[in-house]
Amino acid sequence: MRGLLLLISYIFHPLFIPLGGSVAFFLINPLSLDNEQKLRYLFPIFVLTIIIPIIFFFILKSLKLISSAFAPEIEERKYPLALNIIIILLLVFKVLPEYQITELYYFFLGLLLLSLTLLVLLFAKIKASIHMAGMGGLLLFLIGLSIHFEINITIALSIFTLASGLVATSRLYTHAHSKPELLIGFTLGVCSQLFLFKFWL
């Protein structure tokens, strides 16, 4: 059981949330974009949000500044969150022009707001669950896309809601977080996207 729950934590690692939201956007978006146009956005998102952080992780680990991919200690979490903020800023200003793909642009702005909030909380010694923050943000983004494009994705939303519950169970079972930390993280993820709905929904 422990191995399965740990696997869930890896599968739904916050590292994959930006790319997951981007892929979901292109799958749900009814506007016709050819594969070349999609790749033009997805490739830099993949490199910047997955490849670069993985390289950065190994550098931090070799310097003994981080102990694992889950960054269990408060001080360890500051480095990846700071890097994430820089990466999202690059994506927002260089890769995702607002006038072309508005929905995805505001999704990443929501992730930026979320990362900044989580980082500030760390300086206040509050360790909110980044896993649940990512799940909450992505779930609200999917709900927003469903409403915005008037497309029924109830099954996908149900599956992702179930996945959120499994991630929460995993983080509790492995003693990575307390219930309040999970709730704070999920609430922040939801609110970060909900706050920006008025600009694109």
N, C-alpha and C. Protein backbone atom coordinates (compact mmCIF):
# COMPACT_ATOMS: atom_id res chain seq x y z
N MET A 1 0.83 -1.21 0.00
CA MET A 1 0.00 0.00 0.00
C MET A 1 0.87 1.26 0.00
N ARG A 2 1.89 1.27 0.84
CA ARG A 2 2.77 2.43 0.91
C ARG A 2 3.41 2.72 -0.44
N GLY A 3 3.84 1.63 -1.13
CA GLY A 3 4.48 1.80 -2.44
C GLY A 3 3.53 2.42 -3.45
N LEU A 4 2.26 2.00 -3.44
CA LEU A 4 1.26 2.52 -4.36
C LEU A 4 0.99 4.00 -4.09
N LEU A 5 0.85 4.36 -2.82
CA LEU A 5 0.58 5.75 -2.46
C LEU A 5 1.78 6.64 -2.77
N LEU A 6 2.97 6.11 -2.61
CA LEU A 6 4.17 6.87 -2.95
C LEU A 6 4.24 7.10 -4.46
N LEU A 7 3.83 6.08 -5.22
CA LEU A 7 3.79 6.19 -6.68
C LEU A 7 2.82 7.29 -7.11
N ILE A 8 1.68 7.38 -6.42
CA ILE A 8 0.69 8.42 -6.71
C ILE A 8 1.30 9.81 -6.50
N SER A 9 2.10 9.95 -5.45
CA SER A 9 2.75 11.23 -5.18
C SER A 9 3.72 11.61 -6.29
N TYR A 10 4.36 10.61 -6.88
CA TYR A 10 5.27 10.88 -8.00
C TYR A 10 4.49 11.21 -9.28
N ILE A 11 3.44 10.45 -9.55
CA ILE A 11 2.66 10.65 -10.78
C ILE A 11 2.04 12.05 -10.81
N PHE A 12 1.52 12.48 -9.65
CA PHE A 12 0.87 13.79 -9.57
C PHE A 12 1.77 14.81 -8.89
N HIS A 13 3.07 14.70 -9.12
CA HIS A 13 4.03 15.65 -8.57
C HIS A 13 3.75 17.04 -9.12
N PRO A 14 3.90 18.08 -8.32
CA PRO A 14 3.64 19.46 -8.79
C PRO A 14 4.42 19.84 -10.03
N LEU A 15 5.52 19.16 -10.25
CA LEU A 15 6.35 19.42 -11.43
C LEU A 15 5.56 19.27 -12.73
N PHE A 16 4.57 18.35 -12.72
CA PHE A 16 3.83 18.04 -13.95
C PHE A 16 2.57 18.88 -14.13
N ILE A 17 2.23 19.70 -13.14
CA ILE A 17 0.98 20.48 -13.21
C ILE A 17 0.97 21.48 -14.37
N PRO A 18 2.02 22.27 -14.58
CA PRO A 18 1.98 23.22 -15.71
C PRO A 18 1.80 22.54 -17.06
N LEU A 19 2.55 21.47 -17.30
CA LEU A 19 2.42 20.76 -18.58
C LEU A 19 1.06 20.08 -18.67
N GLY A 20 0.59 19.52 -17.55
CA GLY A 20 -0.72 18.87 -17.55
C GLY A 20 -1.84 19.85 -17.89
N GLY A 21 -1.78 21.04 -17.32
CA GLY A 21 -2.78 22.05 -17.62
C GLY A 21 -2.71 22.51 -19.07
N SER A 22 -1.50 22.59 -19.60
CA SER A 22 -1.31 23.01 -21.00
C SER A 22 -1.87 21.98 -21.97
N VAL A 23 -1.55 20.70 -21.71
CA VAL A 23 -2.08 19.63 -22.57
C VAL A 23 -3.60 19.59 -22.49
N ALA A 24 -4.15 19.74 -21.28
CA ALA A 24 -5.60 19.74 -21.11
C ALA A 24 -6.24 20.89 -21.90
N PHE A 25 -5.59 22.04 -21.88
CA PHE A 25 -6.11 23.20 -22.61
C PHE A 25 -6.22 22.90 -24.11
N PHE A 26 -5.17 22.33 -24.68
CA PHE A 26 -5.18 22.05 -26.12
C PHE A 26 -6.13 20.91 -26.48
N LEU A 27 -6.39 20.01 -25.54
CA LEU A 27 -7.34 18.93 -25.80
C LEU A 27 -8.78 19.42 -25.73
N ILE A 28 -9.04 20.35 -24.81
CA ILE A 28 -10.41 20.84 -24.59
C ILE A 28 -10.76 21.98 -25.54
N ASN A 29 -9.78 22.79 -25.88
CA ASN A 29 -9.99 23.96 -26.72
C ASN A 29 -10.57 23.55 -28.09
N PRO A 30 -11.79 24.01 -28.42
CA PRO A 30 -12.41 23.62 -29.70
C PRO A 30 -11.83 24.37 -30.90
N LEU A 31 -11.08 25.44 -30.66
CA LEU A 31 -10.49 26.20 -31.76
C LEU A 31 -9.41 25.36 -32.42
N SER A 32 -9.37 25.43 -33.73
CA SER A 32 -8.45 24.57 -34.47
C SER A 32 -7.03 25.13 -34.45
N LEU A 33 -6.13 24.36 -33.83
CA LEU A 33 -4.71 24.67 -33.87
C LEU A 33 -4.02 23.45 -34.43
N ASP A 34 -3.13 23.67 -35.40
CA ASP A 34 -2.45 22.50 -35.95
C ASP A 34 -1.37 22.03 -34.99
N ASN A 35 -0.83 20.85 -35.26
CA ASN A 35 0.15 20.24 -34.36
C ASN A 35 1.41 21.08 -34.21
N GLU A 36 1.78 21.76 -35.28
CA GLU A 36 2.97 22.61 -35.21
C GLU A 36 2.77 23.77 -34.26
N GLN A 37 1.58 24.36 -34.28
CA GLN A 37 1.28 25.47 -33.37
C GLN A 37 1.25 24.99 -31.92
N LYS A 38 0.66 23.82 -31.68
CA LYS A 38 0.62 23.27 -30.32
C LYS A 38 2.02 22.98 -29.82
N LEU A 39 2.85 22.41 -30.67
CA LEU A 39 4.21 22.06 -30.29
C LEU A 39 5.03 23.30 -29.99
N ARG A 40 4.71 24.39 -30.67
CA ARG A 40 5.43 25.64 -30.45
C ARG A 40 5.26 26.14 -29.02
N TYR A 41 4.13 25.82 -28.43
CA TYR A 41 3.90 26.18 -27.03
C TYR A 41 4.31 25.08 -26.06
N LEU A 42 3.98 23.84 -26.40
CA LEU A 42 4.20 22.73 -25.47
C LEU A 42 5.68 22.41 -25.26
N PHE A 43 6.48 22.55 -26.32
CA PHE A 43 7.91 22.20 -26.18
C PHE A 43 8.63 23.11 -25.18
N PRO A 44 8.53 24.44 -25.30
CA PRO A 44 9.19 25.27 -24.28
C PRO A 44 8.61 25.09 -22.88
N ILE A 45 7.30 24.82 -22.79
CA ILE A 45 6.71 24.57 -21.48
C ILE A 45 7.30 23.30 -20.88
N PHE A 46 7.45 22.26 -21.70
CA PHE A 46 8.05 21.00 -21.24
C PHE A 46 9.50 21.22 -20.77
N VAL A 47 10.26 21.92 -21.57
CA VAL A 47 11.68 22.13 -21.23
C VAL A 47 11.82 22.98 -19.96
N LEU A 48 11.07 24.06 -19.89
CA LEU A 48 11.23 24.99 -18.78
C LEU A 48 10.62 24.48 -17.47
N THR A 49 9.52 23.74 -17.55
CA THR A 49 8.85 23.33 -16.30
C THR A 49 9.22 21.92 -15.83
N ILE A 50 9.86 21.13 -16.69
CA ILE A 50 10.23 19.77 -16.29
C ILE A 50 11.73 19.53 -16.39
N ILE A 51 12.32 19.75 -17.55
CA ILE A 51 13.74 19.46 -17.74
C ILE A 51 14.62 20.36 -16.86
N ILE A 52 14.39 21.66 -16.92
CA ILE A 52 15.21 22.60 -16.13
C ILE A 52 15.09 22.33 -14.62
N PRO A 53 13.87 22.16 -14.08
CA PRO A 53 13.76 21.86 -12.64
C PRO A 53 14.44 20.55 -12.24
N ILE A 54 14.41 19.53 -13.11
CA ILE A 54 15.07 18.26 -12.79
C ILE A 54 16.58 18.47 -12.70
N ILE A 55 17.13 19.20 -13.66
CA ILE A 55 18.57 19.51 -13.61
C ILE A 55 18.90 20.30 -12.35
N PHE A 56 18.06 21.29 -12.05
CA PHE A 56 18.25 22.12 -10.86
C PHE A 56 18.18 21.28 -9.59
N PHE A 57 17.28 20.29 -9.58
CA PHE A 57 17.15 19.40 -8.42
C PHE A 57 18.44 18.64 -8.16
N PHE A 58 19.03 18.09 -9.22
CA PHE A 58 20.27 17.32 -9.05
C PHE A 58 21.43 18.21 -8.58
N ILE A 59 21.43 19.45 -9.04
CA ILE A 59 22.45 20.40 -8.58
C ILE A 59 22.27 20.68 -7.09
N LEU A 60 21.02 20.94 -6.68
CA LEU A 60 20.73 21.21 -5.27
C LEU A 60 21.05 20.00 -4.40
N LYS A 61 20.74 18.81 -4.91
CA LYS A 61 21.00 17.60 -4.13
C LYS A 61 22.49 17.36 -3.98
N SER A 62 23.26 17.63 -5.03
CA SER A 62 24.71 17.46 -4.93
C SER A 62 25.32 18.46 -3.96
N LEU A 63 24.67 19.61 -3.80
CA LEU A 63 25.12 20.63 -2.85
C LEU A 63 24.54 20.40 -1.45
N LYS A 64 23.73 19.32 -1.33
CA LYS A 64 23.08 18.96 -0.07
C LYS A 64 22.13 20.06 0.44
N LEU A 65 21.52 20.76 -0.51
CA LEU A 65 20.54 21.79 -0.15
C LEU A 65 19.12 21.26 -0.20
N ILE A 66 18.97 20.04 -0.76
CA ILE A 66 17.66 19.41 -0.82
C ILE A 66 17.88 17.90 -0.70
N SER A 67 16.96 17.23 -0.01
CA SER A 67 17.18 15.81 0.29
C SER A 67 16.42 14.86 -0.63
N SER A 68 15.28 15.29 -1.17
CA SER A 68 14.51 14.41 -2.04
C SER A 68 13.64 15.23 -2.98
N ALA A 69 13.00 14.54 -3.92
CA ALA A 69 12.14 15.22 -4.90
C ALA A 69 10.93 15.87 -4.25
N PHE A 70 10.63 15.50 -3.00
CA PHE A 70 9.46 16.04 -2.31
C PHE A 70 9.82 17.21 -1.39
N ALA A 71 11.12 17.52 -1.27
CA ALA A 71 11.57 18.65 -0.44
C ALA A 71 10.80 18.72 0.88
N PRO A 72 11.04 17.77 1.80
CA PRO A 72 10.22 17.68 3.00
C PRO A 72 10.37 18.82 4.00
N GLU A 73 11.52 19.47 4.02
CA GLU A 73 11.75 20.54 5.00
C GLU A 73 11.41 21.91 4.42
N ILE A 74 11.03 22.82 5.30
CA ILE A 74 10.63 24.16 4.88
C ILE A 74 11.74 24.87 4.11
N GLU A 75 12.97 24.82 4.61
CA GLU A 75 14.08 25.51 3.94
C GLU A 75 14.33 24.94 2.56
N GLU A 76 14.16 23.63 2.39
CA GLU A 76 14.39 22.99 1.10
C GLU A 76 13.40 23.47 0.04
N ARG A 77 12.21 23.79 0.46
CA ARG A 77 11.14 24.15 -0.48
C ARG A 77 11.33 25.53 -1.09
N LYS A 78 12.10 26.37 -0.45
CA LYS A 78 12.27 27.74 -0.93
C LYS A 78 12.99 27.78 -2.29
N TYR A 79 13.95 26.89 -2.48
CA TYR A 79 14.73 26.90 -3.73
C TYR A 79 13.89 26.53 -4.95
N PRO A 80 13.19 25.38 -4.93
CA PRO A 80 12.38 25.05 -6.11
C PRO A 80 11.24 26.03 -6.36
N LEU A 81 10.66 26.58 -5.30
CA LEU A 81 9.59 27.55 -5.49
C LEU A 81 10.12 28.84 -6.13
N ALA A 82 11.29 29.28 -5.69
CA ALA A 82 11.90 30.48 -6.28
C ALA A 82 12.22 30.25 -7.75
N LEU A 83 12.75 29.07 -8.07
CA LEU A 83 13.02 28.74 -9.47
C LEU A 83 11.73 28.70 -10.28
N ASN A 84 10.68 28.13 -9.70
CA ASN A 84 9.39 28.03 -10.38
C ASN A 84 8.83 29.40 -10.72
N ILE A 85 8.99 30.33 -9.82
CA ILE A 85 8.52 31.70 -10.05
C ILE A 85 9.24 32.32 -11.24
N ILE A 86 10.56 32.13 -11.31
CA ILE A 86 11.35 32.66 -12.42
C ILE A 86 10.92 32.03 -13.74
N ILE A 87 10.72 30.71 -13.72
CA ILE A 87 10.32 29.99 -14.93
C ILE A 87 8.96 30.45 -15.43
N ILE A 88 8.01 30.59 -14.52
CA ILE A 88 6.66 31.01 -14.93
C ILE A 88 6.68 32.43 -15.48
N LEU A 89 7.51 33.29 -14.90
CA LEU A 89 7.66 34.65 -15.41
C LEU A 89 8.17 34.62 -16.86
N LEU A 90 9.13 33.75 -17.12
CA LEU A 90 9.66 33.60 -18.48
C LEU A 90 8.56 33.13 -19.44
N LEU A 91 7.77 32.16 -18.99
CA LEU A 91 6.70 31.63 -19.83
C LEU A 91 5.64 32.69 -20.12
N VAL A 92 5.25 33.41 -19.10
CA VAL A 92 4.19 34.41 -19.24
C VAL A 92 4.60 35.55 -20.17
N PHE A 93 5.85 35.99 -20.05
CA PHE A 93 6.28 37.16 -20.83
C PHE A 93 6.91 36.82 -22.17
N LYS A 94 7.40 35.57 -22.33
CA LYS A 94 8.11 35.24 -23.56
C LYS A 94 7.44 34.17 -24.42
N VAL A 95 6.66 33.29 -23.80
CA VAL A 95 6.13 32.14 -24.53
C VAL A 95 4.63 32.22 -24.75
N LEU A 96 3.90 32.75 -23.79
CA LEU A 96 2.44 32.70 -23.82
C LEU A 96 1.82 34.09 -23.93
N PRO A 97 1.78 34.66 -25.13
CA PRO A 97 1.18 35.98 -25.28
C PRO A 97 -0.32 35.95 -24.97
N GLU A 98 -0.78 36.91 -24.17
CA GLU A 98 -2.17 36.94 -23.71
C GLU A 98 -3.17 36.97 -24.86
N TYR A 99 -2.86 37.71 -25.92
CA TYR A 99 -3.84 37.90 -26.99
C TYR A 99 -4.03 36.65 -27.86
N GLN A 100 -3.14 35.67 -27.76
CA GLN A 100 -3.26 34.47 -28.59
C GLN A 100 -3.92 33.31 -27.86
N ILE A 101 -3.48 33.02 -26.66
CA ILE A 101 -4.07 31.93 -25.88
C ILE A 101 -4.36 32.45 -24.47
N THR A 102 -5.40 33.21 -24.39
CA THR A 102 -5.74 33.92 -23.15
C THR A 102 -5.92 32.97 -21.96
N GLU A 103 -6.63 31.88 -22.18
CA GLU A 103 -6.94 30.95 -21.08
C GLU A 103 -5.66 30.38 -20.46
N LEU A 104 -4.74 29.95 -21.30
CA LEU A 104 -3.49 29.37 -20.81
C LEU A 104 -2.62 30.43 -20.15
N TYR A 105 -2.66 31.62 -20.69
CA TYR A 105 -1.91 32.74 -20.12
C TYR A 105 -2.33 32.99 -18.68
N TYR A 106 -3.64 33.00 -18.44
CA TYR A 106 -4.12 33.26 -17.08
C TYR A 106 -3.95 32.05 -16.17
N PHE A 107 -3.92 30.85 -16.75
CA PHE A 107 -3.61 29.66 -15.95
C PHE A 107 -2.22 29.79 -15.35
N PHE A 108 -1.27 30.22 -16.15
CA PHE A 108 0.09 30.37 -15.65
C PHE A 108 0.22 31.58 -14.71
N LEU A 109 -0.56 32.61 -14.94
CA LEU A 109 -0.57 33.72 -13.98
C LEU A 109 -1.08 33.23 -12.63
N GLY A 110 -2.08 32.34 -12.66
CA GLY A 110 -2.58 31.75 -11.43
C GLY A 110 -1.52 30.92 -10.73
N LEU A 111 -0.74 30.16 -11.51
CA LEU A 111 0.35 29.38 -10.94
C LEU A 111 1.43 30.29 -10.35
N LEU A 112 1.65 31.42 -10.99
CA LEU A 112 2.61 32.39 -10.47
C LEU A 112 2.14 32.95 -9.13
N LEU A 113 0.88 33.34 -9.07
CA LEU A 113 0.29 33.85 -7.83
C LEU A 113 0.37 32.78 -6.74
N LEU A 114 0.09 31.55 -7.10
CA LEU A 114 0.14 30.44 -6.15
C LEU A 114 1.55 30.23 -5.61
N SER A 115 2.53 30.22 -6.50
CA SER A 115 3.92 30.00 -6.09
C SER A 115 4.41 31.11 -5.17
N LEU A 116 4.05 32.34 -5.50
CA LEU A 116 4.44 33.48 -4.65
C LEU A 116 3.84 33.34 -3.25
N THR A 117 2.57 32.95 -3.20
CA THR A 117 1.89 32.79 -1.91
C THR A 117 2.52 31.68 -1.09
N LEU A 118 2.81 30.55 -1.73
CA LEU A 118 3.43 29.42 -1.04
C LEU A 118 4.81 29.80 -0.50
N LEU A 119 5.56 30.58 -1.28
CA LEU A 119 6.89 31.01 -0.85
C LEU A 119 6.81 31.94 0.35
N VAL A 120 5.88 32.87 0.31
CA VAL A 120 5.69 33.79 1.44
C VAL A 120 5.32 33.01 2.71
N LEU A 121 4.46 32.01 2.57
CA LEU A 121 4.05 31.21 3.72
C LEU A 121 5.24 30.45 4.31
N LEU A 122 6.18 30.04 3.47
CA LEU A 122 7.36 29.34 3.97
C LEU A 122 8.19 30.24 4.88
N PHE A 123 8.27 31.51 4.53
CA PHE A 123 9.01 32.44 5.38
C PHE A 123 8.27 32.68 6.70
N ALA A 124 6.97 32.38 6.70
CA ALA A 124 6.18 32.46 7.93
C ALA A 124 6.13 31.11 8.64
N LYS A 125 6.97 30.15 8.15
CA LYS A 125 7.07 28.80 8.73
C LYS A 125 5.78 27.99 8.57
N ILE A 126 5.03 28.28 7.50
CA ILE A 126 3.82 27.51 7.20
C ILE A 126 4.09 26.66 5.97
N LYS A 127 4.02 25.33 6.14
CA LYS A 127 4.35 24.41 5.05
C LYS A 127 3.06 23.86 4.44
N ALA A 128 2.50 24.62 3.52
CA ALA A 128 1.29 24.15 2.82
C ALA A 128 1.69 23.08 1.81
N SER A 129 0.78 22.18 1.51
CA SER A 129 1.06 21.10 0.57
C SER A 129 1.10 21.63 -0.86
N ILE A 130 2.27 21.53 -1.49
CA ILE A 130 2.40 21.98 -2.87
C ILE A 130 1.69 21.00 -3.80
N HIS A 131 1.69 19.70 -3.43
CA HIS A 131 0.95 18.71 -4.21
C HIS A 131 -0.52 19.10 -4.32
N MET A 132 -1.14 19.38 -3.17
CA MET A 132 -2.56 19.70 -3.17
C MET A 132 -2.85 21.07 -3.77
N ALA A 133 -1.89 21.98 -3.64
CA ALA A 133 -2.04 23.29 -4.27
C ALA A 133 -2.11 23.13 -5.79
N GLY A 134 -1.23 22.30 -6.32
CA GLY A 134 -1.24 22.05 -7.76
C GLY A 134 -2.50 21.36 -8.22
N MET A 135 -2.95 20.37 -7.45
CA MET A 135 -4.17 19.64 -7.81
C MET A 135 -5.38 20.57 -7.77
N GLY A 136 -5.46 21.41 -6.75
CA GLY A 136 -6.58 22.34 -6.64
C GLY A 136 -6.60 23.34 -7.78
N GLY A 137 -5.41 23.86 -8.13
CA GLY A 137 -5.32 24.82 -9.23
C GLY A 137 -5.71 24.22 -10.56
N LEU A 138 -5.21 23.01 -10.83
CA LEU A 138 -5.51 22.35 -12.10
C LEU A 138 -6.98 21.96 -12.20
N LEU A 139 -7.57 21.50 -11.08
CA LEU A 139 -8.98 21.13 -11.08
C LEU A 139 -9.85 22.34 -11.40
N LEU A 140 -9.56 23.49 -10.79
CA LEU A 140 -10.36 24.69 -11.07
C LEU A 140 -10.16 25.17 -12.51
N PHE A 141 -8.95 25.03 -13.02
CA PHE A 141 -8.70 25.42 -14.41
C PHE A 141 -9.53 24.55 -15.36
N LEU A 142 -9.60 23.26 -15.09
CA LEU A 142 -10.40 22.36 -15.92
C LEU A 142 -11.88 22.73 -15.86
N ILE A 143 -12.35 23.05 -14.66
CA ILE A 143 -13.74 23.48 -14.51
C ILE A 143 -13.98 24.76 -15.31
N GLY A 144 -13.03 25.69 -15.23
CA GLY A 144 -13.16 26.94 -15.98
C GLY A 144 -13.19 26.71 -17.48
N LEU A 145 -12.35 25.81 -17.98
CA LEU A 145 -12.34 25.50 -19.41
C LEU A 145 -13.66 24.89 -19.85
N SER A 146 -14.21 24.00 -19.00
CA SER A 146 -15.48 23.36 -19.31
C SER A 146 -16.60 24.39 -19.44
N ILE A 147 -16.61 25.37 -18.54
CA ILE A 147 -17.64 26.42 -18.57
C ILE A 147 -17.40 27.35 -19.75
N HIS A 148 -16.15 27.74 -19.93
CA HIS A 148 -15.79 28.72 -20.96
C HIS A 148 -16.10 28.22 -22.37
N PHE A 149 -15.74 26.98 -22.65
CA PHE A 149 -15.95 26.42 -23.98
C PHE A 149 -17.27 25.65 -24.10
N GLU A 150 -18.02 25.60 -22.98
CA GLU A 150 -19.32 24.90 -22.94
C GLU A 150 -19.17 23.45 -23.42
N ILE A 151 -18.18 22.78 -22.85
CA ILE A 151 -17.91 21.38 -23.19
C ILE A 151 -18.05 20.53 -21.94
N ASN A 152 -18.75 19.42 -22.07
CA ASN A 152 -18.99 18.53 -20.94
C ASN A 152 -17.78 17.61 -20.74
N ILE A 153 -17.05 17.83 -19.66
CA ILE A 153 -15.92 16.96 -19.33
C ILE A 153 -16.11 16.39 -17.91
N THR A 154 -17.36 16.03 -17.62
CA THR A 154 -17.71 15.54 -16.29
C THR A 154 -16.87 14.34 -15.88
N ILE A 155 -16.66 13.41 -16.80
CA ILE A 155 -15.89 12.21 -16.48
C ILE A 155 -14.46 12.58 -16.11
N ALA A 156 -13.85 13.47 -16.89
CA ALA A 156 -12.48 13.90 -16.61
C ALA A 156 -12.40 14.61 -15.26
N LEU A 157 -13.39 15.45 -14.96
CA LEU A 157 -13.41 16.16 -13.68
C LEU A 157 -13.59 15.18 -12.53
N SER A 158 -14.42 14.17 -12.72
CA SER A 158 -14.65 13.16 -11.68
C SER A 158 -13.37 12.38 -11.40
N ILE A 159 -12.69 12.01 -12.47
CA ILE A 159 -11.44 11.26 -12.32
C ILE A 159 -10.39 12.10 -11.62
N PHE A 160 -10.31 13.37 -11.99
CA PHE A 160 -9.30 14.23 -11.37
C PHE A 160 -9.64 14.55 -9.92
N THR A 161 -10.93 14.65 -9.62
CA THR A 161 -11.34 14.85 -8.21
C THR A 161 -10.94 13.64 -7.38
N LEU A 162 -11.16 12.45 -7.93
CA LEU A 162 -10.74 11.22 -7.26
C LEU A 162 -9.22 11.20 -7.08
N ALA A 163 -8.50 11.63 -8.11
CA ALA A 163 -7.04 11.67 -8.03
C ALA A 163 -6.58 12.63 -6.94
N SER A 164 -7.30 13.74 -6.78
CA SER A 164 -6.96 14.70 -5.72
C SER A 164 -7.11 14.06 -4.35
N GLY A 165 -8.17 13.27 -4.19
CA GLY A 165 -8.37 12.56 -2.93
C GLY A 165 -7.26 11.54 -2.68
N LEU A 166 -6.83 10.86 -3.74
CA LEU A 166 -5.75 9.88 -3.60
C LEU A 166 -4.43 10.55 -3.24
N VAL A 167 -4.18 11.71 -3.84
CA VAL A 167 -2.95 12.45 -3.51
C VAL A 167 -2.97 12.90 -2.06
N ALA A 168 -4.12 13.40 -1.60
CA ALA A 168 -4.24 13.80 -0.20
C ALA A 168 -4.00 12.61 0.73
N THR A 169 -4.59 11.47 0.39
CA THR A 169 -4.39 10.25 1.18
C THR A 169 -2.92 9.85 1.20
N SER A 170 -2.28 9.94 0.05
CA SER A 170 -0.87 9.60 -0.07
C SER A 170 0.00 10.49 0.82
N ARG A 171 -0.27 11.78 0.78
CA ARG A 171 0.55 12.71 1.58
C ARG A 171 0.33 12.52 3.07
N LEU A 172 -0.90 12.14 3.44
CA LEU A 172 -1.17 11.85 4.86
C LEU A 172 -0.53 10.54 5.28
N TYR A 173 -0.69 9.52 4.46
CA TYR A 173 -0.20 8.17 4.79
C TYR A 173 1.32 8.14 4.94
N THR A 174 2.00 8.93 4.12
CA THR A 174 3.46 8.97 4.17
C THR A 174 3.98 10.00 5.18
N HIS A 175 3.05 10.61 5.92
CA HIS A 175 3.38 11.60 6.96
C HIS A 175 4.13 12.81 6.39
N ALA A 176 3.85 13.14 5.14
CA ALA A 176 4.48 14.30 4.51
C ALA A 176 3.81 15.60 4.95
N HIS A 177 2.51 15.52 5.27
CA HIS A 177 1.75 16.71 5.65
C HIS A 177 0.67 16.36 6.67
N SER A 178 0.25 17.38 7.38
CA SER A 178 -0.91 17.24 8.27
C SER A 178 -2.15 17.62 7.49
N LYS A 179 -3.32 17.33 8.04
CA LYS A 179 -4.58 17.68 7.37
C LYS A 179 -4.71 19.18 7.11
N PRO A 180 -4.37 20.05 8.09
CA PRO A 180 -4.46 21.49 7.81
C PRO A 180 -3.55 21.93 6.67
N GLU A 181 -2.36 21.34 6.56
CA GLU A 181 -1.43 21.70 5.49
C GLU A 181 -1.99 21.31 4.12
N LEU A 182 -2.65 20.16 4.08
CA LEU A 182 -3.29 19.72 2.83
C LEU A 182 -4.44 20.66 2.46
N LEU A 183 -5.24 21.02 3.45
CA LEU A 183 -6.39 21.89 3.21
C LEU A 183 -5.94 23.28 2.77
N ILE A 184 -4.90 23.81 3.42
CA ILE A 184 -4.38 25.13 3.04
C ILE A 184 -3.87 25.10 1.60
N GLY A 185 -3.11 24.06 1.26
CA GLY A 185 -2.57 23.95 -0.09
C GLY A 185 -3.66 23.87 -1.14
N PHE A 186 -4.66 23.01 -0.92
CA PHE A 186 -5.74 22.84 -1.89
C PHE A 186 -6.54 24.14 -2.03
N THR A 187 -6.83 24.79 -0.92
CA THR A 187 -7.59 26.04 -0.95
C THR A 187 -6.84 27.13 -1.70
N LEU A 188 -5.54 27.23 -1.48
CA LEU A 188 -4.73 28.22 -2.19
C LEU A 188 -4.72 27.95 -3.70
N GLY A 189 -4.62 26.67 -4.06
CA GLY A 189 -4.64 26.31 -5.48
C GLY A 189 -5.94 26.69 -6.14
N VAL A 190 -7.04 26.40 -5.47
CA VAL A 190 -8.37 26.74 -5.99
C VAL A 190 -8.53 28.25 -6.11
N CYS A 191 -8.18 28.97 -5.06
CA CYS A 191 -8.38 30.42 -5.04
C CYS A 191 -7.50 31.14 -6.05
N SER A 192 -6.29 30.65 -6.29
CA SER A 192 -5.38 31.31 -7.23
C SER A 192 -5.95 31.32 -8.65
N GLN A 193 -6.65 30.25 -9.02
CA GLN A 193 -7.30 30.21 -10.33
C GLN A 193 -8.64 30.93 -10.32
N LEU A 194 -9.39 30.75 -9.25
CA LEU A 194 -10.71 31.38 -9.14
C LEU A 194 -10.61 32.89 -9.19
N PHE A 195 -9.56 33.43 -8.60
CA PHE A 195 -9.35 34.88 -8.56
C PHE A 195 -9.19 35.47 -9.97
N LEU A 196 -8.64 34.67 -10.89
CA LEU A 196 -8.37 35.16 -12.25
C LEU A 196 -9.48 34.82 -13.25
N PHE A 197 -10.48 34.09 -12.80
CA PHE A 197 -11.59 33.72 -13.71
C PHE A 197 -12.23 34.96 -14.33
N LYS A 198 -12.32 36.03 -13.57
CA LYS A 198 -13.02 37.23 -14.06
C LYS A 198 -12.33 37.88 -15.27
N PHE A 199 -11.07 37.50 -15.50
CA PHE A 199 -10.33 38.08 -16.62
C PHE A 199 -10.47 37.31 -17.92
N TRP A 200 -10.92 36.05 -17.84
CA TRP A 200 -11.03 35.27 -19.07
C TRP A 200 -12.29 34.42 -19.20
N LEU A 201 -12.98 34.18 -18.08
CA LEU A 201 -14.15 33.29 -18.14
C LEU A 201 -15.39 34.06 -18.60
